[in-house]
Protein backbone atom coordinates (compact mmCIF):
# COMPACT_ATOMS: atom_id res chain seq x y z
CA UNK A 1 -6.47 -19.30 -30.31
CA UNK A 2 -9.46 -18.87 -27.64
CA UNK A 3 -7.72 -21.50 -25.39
CA UNK A 4 -4.23 -19.72 -25.44
CA UNK A 5 -5.99 -15.98 -25.05
CA UNK A 6 -7.58 -17.48 -21.52
CA UNK A 7 -4.26 -18.96 -20.61
CA UNK A 8 -2.38 -15.81 -20.99
CA UNK A 9 -5.26 -13.73 -19.23
CA UNK A 10 -5.41 -16.36 -16.54
CA UNK A 11 -1.69 -16.41 -16.09
CA UNK A 12 -1.29 -12.52 -16.04
CA UNK A 13 -4.06 -11.87 -13.80
CA UNK A 14 -3.38 -14.35 -11.00
CA UNK A 15 0.63 -13.48 -11.03
CA UNK A 16 -0.52 -9.85 -10.43
CA UNK A 17 -3.18 -11.10 -7.70
CA UNK A 18 -0.56 -13.19 -6.26
CA UNK A 19 1.99 -10.35 -5.79
CA UNK A 20 -0.67 -7.81 -4.50
CA UNK A 21 -2.62 -9.85 -2.68
CA UNK A 22 -5.67 -10.15 -4.54
CA UNK A 23 -7.49 -8.65 -7.55
CA UNK A 24 -7.41 -11.40 -10.07
CA UNK A 25 -11.03 -10.69 -11.13
CA UNK A 26 -9.95 -7.51 -12.53
CA UNK A 27 -8.77 -9.31 -15.97
CA UNK A 28 -10.28 -12.79 -15.71
CA UNK A 29 -13.80 -12.37 -14.87
CA UNK A 30 -14.35 -9.29 -17.40
CA UNK A 31 -12.78 -11.52 -20.46
CA UNK A 32 -15.41 -14.40 -19.49
CA UNK A 33 -18.20 -11.92 -19.98
CA UNK A 34 -16.66 -10.47 -23.23
CA UNK A 35 -16.46 -13.74 -24.55
CA UNK A 36 -20.08 -14.39 -24.33
CA UNK A 37 -20.87 -15.94 -21.07
CA UNK A 38 -23.77 -14.91 -18.92
CA UNK A 39 -23.19 -13.12 -15.59
CA UNK A 40 -24.12 -16.38 -13.53
CA UNK A 41 -21.84 -18.65 -15.63
CA UNK A 42 -18.94 -16.46 -15.73
CA UNK A 43 -19.22 -15.98 -11.96
CA UNK A 44 -19.02 -19.95 -11.29
CA UNK A 45 -16.37 -20.50 -13.83
CA UNK A 46 -14.17 -17.54 -12.44
CA UNK A 47 -14.85 -18.48 -8.98
CA UNK A 48 -13.53 -22.23 -9.60
CA UNK A 49 -10.73 -21.27 -11.81
CA UNK A 50 -9.67 -18.83 -8.80
CA UNK A 51 -9.32 -21.91 -6.37
CA UNK A 52 -6.23 -22.61 -8.48
CA UNK A 53 -5.08 -19.32 -7.11
CA UNK A 54 -4.66 -20.80 -3.62
CA UNK A 55 -3.09 -23.79 -4.75
CA UNK A 56 -0.16 -22.21 -6.69
CA UNK A 57 0.34 -19.66 -3.68
CA UNK A 58 0.27 -22.45 -1.28
CA UNK A 59 2.67 -24.36 -2.95
CA UNK A 60 5.21 -21.55 -2.70
CA UNK A 61 4.30 -19.74 0.62
CA UNK A 62 4.30 -22.98 2.94
CA UNK A 63 7.93 -23.48 2.03
CA UNK A 64 8.41 -19.98 4.16
CA UNK A 65 6.57 -21.29 6.91
CA UNK A 66 5.28 -17.90 7.81
CA UNK A 67 1.54 -18.84 8.79
CA UNK A 68 -0.11 -19.18 12.74
CA UNK A 69 -1.89 -22.23 12.45
CA UNK A 70 -4.42 -20.79 15.22
CA UNK A 71 -4.62 -17.53 13.60
CA UNK A 72 -5.31 -19.17 10.12
CA UNK A 73 -8.09 -21.31 11.54
CA UNK A 74 -9.71 -17.92 13.14
CA UNK A 75 -9.57 -16.13 9.71
CA UNK A 76 -11.63 -19.42 8.30
CA UNK A 77 -13.81 -19.73 10.98
CA UNK A 78 -15.01 -15.87 10.54
CA UNK A 79 -14.77 -15.67 6.92
CA UNK A 80 -16.32 -19.11 5.61
CA UNK A 81 -19.94 -18.30 6.89
CA UNK A 82 -19.85 -14.84 5.27
CA UNK A 83 -18.66 -16.59 1.90
CA UNK A 84 -21.32 -18.93 2.06
CA UNK A 85 -24.03 -16.16 2.82
CA UNK A 86 -22.83 -14.10 -0.06
CA UNK A 87 -22.46 -16.95 -2.67
CA UNK A 88 -26.05 -17.54 -1.99
CA UNK A 89 -27.34 -14.13 -2.01
CA UNK A 90 -25.70 -12.61 -5.25
CA UNK A 91 -27.43 -14.35 -7.84
CA UNK A 92 -30.77 -13.15 -6.50
CA UNK A 93 -29.78 -9.42 -5.81
CA UNK A 94 -29.20 -6.25 -7.90
CA UNK A 95 -25.24 -5.72 -7.32
CA UNK A 96 -25.19 -2.57 -9.32
CA UNK A 97 -25.34 -0.25 -6.01
CA UNK A 98 -22.78 -2.45 -4.09
CA UNK A 99 -20.44 -2.56 -6.98
CA UNK A 100 -20.20 0.98 -7.11
CA UNK A 101 -19.78 1.38 -3.27
CA UNK A 102 -17.06 -1.52 -3.38
CA UNK A 103 -15.09 0.45 -6.10
CA UNK A 104 -15.25 3.76 -3.74
CA UNK A 105 -13.80 1.51 -1.02
CA UNK A 106 -11.37 -0.05 -2.71
CA UNK A 107 -9.71 2.81 -4.07
CA UNK A 108 -9.89 4.33 -0.63
CA UNK A 109 -7.40 1.37 0.47
CA UNK A 110 -4.79 2.34 -2.27
CA UNK A 111 -5.12 5.99 -1.56
CA UNK A 112 -4.84 5.21 2.21
CA UNK A 113 -1.69 2.83 1.85
CA UNK A 114 -0.06 5.69 -0.26
CA UNK A 115 -0.42 8.19 1.82
CA UNK A 116 0.71 5.82 4.99
CA UNK A 117 4.15 5.25 3.78
CA UNK A 118 5.26 3.23 6.50
CA UNK A 119 1.84 0.73 6.60
CA UNK A 120 2.95 -2.58 6.35
CA UNK A 121 6.46 -2.33 6.02
CA UNK A 122 7.14 -4.04 9.43
CA UNK A 123 5.18 -6.53 11.78
CA UNK A 124 3.54 -5.05 14.90
CA UNK A 125 1.30 -7.64 16.49
CA UNK A 126 -1.85 -5.65 17.81
CA UNK A 127 -5.84 -6.18 18.59
CA UNK A 128 -5.11 -9.68 19.58
CA UNK A 129 -6.97 -9.70 23.11
CA UNK A 130 -10.68 -10.73 23.12
CA UNK A 131 -12.18 -7.32 21.87
CA UNK A 132 -9.52 -6.88 19.19
CA UNK A 133 -10.34 -10.67 18.01
CA UNK A 134 -14.16 -10.10 17.85
CA UNK A 135 -13.72 -7.00 16.02
CA UNK A 136 -11.28 -8.44 13.46
CA UNK A 137 -13.30 -11.40 13.29
CA UNK A 138 -16.78 -9.26 12.58
CA UNK A 139 -14.39 -7.51 9.69
CA UNK A 140 -13.64 -10.97 8.13
CA UNK A 141 -17.21 -12.19 7.94
CA UNK A 142 -17.96 -9.27 6.24
CA UNK A 143 -15.05 -9.43 3.80
CA UNK A 144 -15.97 -13.14 3.43
CA UNK A 145 -19.62 -12.02 2.38
CA UNK A 146 -18.30 -9.72 -0.25
CA UNK A 147 -16.02 -12.54 -1.17
CA UNK A 148 -18.59 -15.02 -1.95
CA UNK A 149 -21.07 -12.51 -3.64
CA UNK A 150 -18.61 -10.06 -5.66
CA UNK A 151 -15.76 -10.98 -8.30
CA UNK A 152 -13.08 -8.30 -7.99
CA UNK A 153 -11.14 -6.81 -5.06
CA UNK A 154 -12.31 -8.43 -2.04
CA UNK A 155 -8.73 -10.20 -1.49
CA UNK A 156 -7.46 -6.74 -1.49
CA UNK A 157 -9.60 -6.03 1.29
CA UNK A 158 -8.36 -8.92 3.56
CA UNK A 159 -4.79 -8.12 2.96
CA UNK A 160 -5.47 -4.32 4.23
CA UNK A 161 -7.48 -5.77 7.17
CA UNK A 162 -4.65 -7.75 8.38
CA UNK A 163 -1.96 -5.22 7.95
CA UNK A 164 -4.35 -2.33 9.36
CA UNK A 165 -6.12 -4.17 12.10
CA UNK A 166 -3.67 -6.99 13.24
CA UNK A 167 -0.42 -5.21 12.54
CA UNK A 168 0.89 -7.73 9.92
CA UNK A 169 3.33 -6.61 7.54
CA UNK A 170 2.27 -6.81 3.78
CA UNK A 171 4.54 -10.13 3.06
CA UNK A 172 2.72 -11.97 5.73
CA UNK A 173 -0.89 -10.56 5.17
CA UNK A 174 -0.74 -11.56 1.53
CA UNK A 175 0.52 -15.17 2.22
CA UNK A 176 -2.49 -15.37 4.57
CA UNK A 177 -4.73 -13.82 1.83
CA UNK A 178 -3.54 -15.92 -0.76
CA UNK A 179 -3.75 -19.39 0.99
CA UNK A 180 -6.87 -18.92 3.30
CA UNK A 181 -8.83 -16.61 0.78
CA UNK A 182 -7.45 -18.14 -2.56
CA UNK A 183 -8.00 -21.59 -1.34
CA UNK A 184 -10.72 -22.29 1.21
CA UNK A 185 -12.77 -18.79 1.01
CA UNK A 186 -12.96 -19.25 -3.08
CA UNK A 187 -13.55 -22.95 -2.76
CA UNK A 188 -16.40 -22.93 -0.77
CA UNK A 189 -17.76 -19.70 -2.63
CA UNK A 190 -17.30 -21.79 -5.97
CA UNK A 191 -19.10 -24.80 -4.70
CA UNK A 192 -21.73 -22.42 -3.37
CA UNK A 193 -22.10 -20.76 -6.64
CA UNK A 194 -21.68 -23.90 -8.76
CA UNK A 195 -24.45 -25.56 -7.07
CA UNK A 196 -26.97 -22.99 -8.40
CA UNK A 197 -25.42 -22.22 -11.84
CA UNK A 198 -23.20 -24.51 -13.82
CA UNK A 199 -19.58 -23.10 -15.15
CA UNK A 200 -18.42 -23.30 -18.50
CA UNK A 201 -16.44 -26.79 -17.69
CA UNK A 202 -14.35 -26.81 -20.95
CA UNK A 203 -12.71 -23.70 -20.00
CA UNK A 204 -11.76 -24.64 -16.71
CA UNK A 205 -8.52 -26.81 -17.35
CA UNK A 206 -6.49 -23.68 -19.10
CA UNK A 207 -7.90 -21.18 -16.59
CA UNK A 208 -6.73 -23.61 -13.86
CA UNK A 209 -3.47 -24.18 -15.16
CA UNK A 210 -3.00 -20.22 -15.74
CA UNK A 211 -3.82 -19.43 -12.39
CA UNK A 212 -1.79 -22.06 -10.65
CA UNK A 213 1.33 -21.07 -12.71
CA UNK A 214 0.44 -17.25 -12.35
CA UNK A 215 -0.14 -17.65 -8.30
CA UNK A 216 3.45 -19.64 -7.88
CA UNK A 217 5.32 -17.32 -9.88
CA UNK A 218 3.72 -14.32 -8.17
CA UNK A 219 4.18 -15.54 -4.61
CA UNK A 220 7.90 -16.23 -5.57
CA UNK A 221 8.34 -12.64 -6.88
CA UNK A 222 6.60 -11.31 -3.51
CA UNK A 223 8.97 -13.36 -1.29
CA UNK A 224 12.10 -12.24 -3.25
CA UNK A 225 11.14 -8.52 -3.39
CA UNK A 226 10.08 -7.99 -0.10
CA UNK A 227 7.25 -5.59 1.51
CA UNK A 228 8.20 -2.42 -0.43
CA UNK A 229 7.39 -3.90 -3.82
CA UNK A 230 4.31 -5.76 -2.65
CA UNK A 231 3.03 -2.21 -1.17
CA UNK A 232 3.17 -0.59 -4.33
CA UNK A 233 1.48 -3.44 -6.24
CA UNK A 234 -0.98 -3.32 -3.62
CA UNK A 235 -1.53 0.25 -4.30
CA UNK A 236 -1.44 0.20 -8.20
CA UNK A 237 -4.00 -2.66 -8.19
CA UNK A 238 -6.47 -1.34 -5.42
CA UNK A 239 -6.97 1.70 -7.78
CA UNK A 240 -7.08 -0.35 -10.77
CA UNK A 241 -9.99 -2.62 -9.16
CA UNK A 242 -11.50 0.43 -7.79
CA UNK A 243 -11.81 2.25 -10.96
CA UNK A 244 -13.07 -0.79 -12.84
CA UNK A 245 -15.84 -1.11 -10.25
CA UNK A 246 -16.76 2.54 -10.08
CA UNK A 247 -16.99 1.95 -13.96
CA UNK A 248 -19.21 -1.03 -13.60
CA UNK A 249 -21.57 0.34 -11.27
CA UNK A 250 -21.91 3.73 -13.23
CA UNK A 251 -23.00 1.87 -16.37
CA UNK A 252 -25.25 -0.41 -14.69
CA UNK A 253 -27.03 2.50 -13.00
């Protein structure tokens, strides 16, 4: 029953994450803590399992051919150093205030998207000159550091950053987030955390299966339903993730 419960939670969490462009930790990570894992062990287990989110989404999105290789490499080059930095710092830091601040920012993302009705509905290429790329890269580095250190919501930040700064529509921004953040950023973060704290190995197979299946079907739904549905899912999930992070931060004060 424990394994079956983990499978269902992982499936649902990653389906929603693949549809909205982030937020798998909203359900998956708290469940691991509830089942008795320490923060460090739960973090390592969740990080490794979340790599399958990228695998499942990649299998679906690559069929659409919607990624620009040069821009994908740019995202990796800017984000991965931040991921490694954040993953090496988190186990030594008090994260309470960071979680509270991140919760407020995440809720802000959802509200911003709600009030900007046409945001992300169509692609409008912008900020691709040198200054724009430098600022955009710095933003990805900061989000990468948050991705390596915290457990919920940072994929949503990447999705919004790609929409707002670089002018991608929601569907393409989610594709970049799921493949590059889910597969590569999470992969490097998982390795960095696992080298410091071992995960719960016997739970990983079922979590990986649930993550991969949920990501594949979530990506399929996102492609089939289009930008409007993805935008609404993004807004709902950012508000839920933000509220959870604020609650966690207040409890920890």
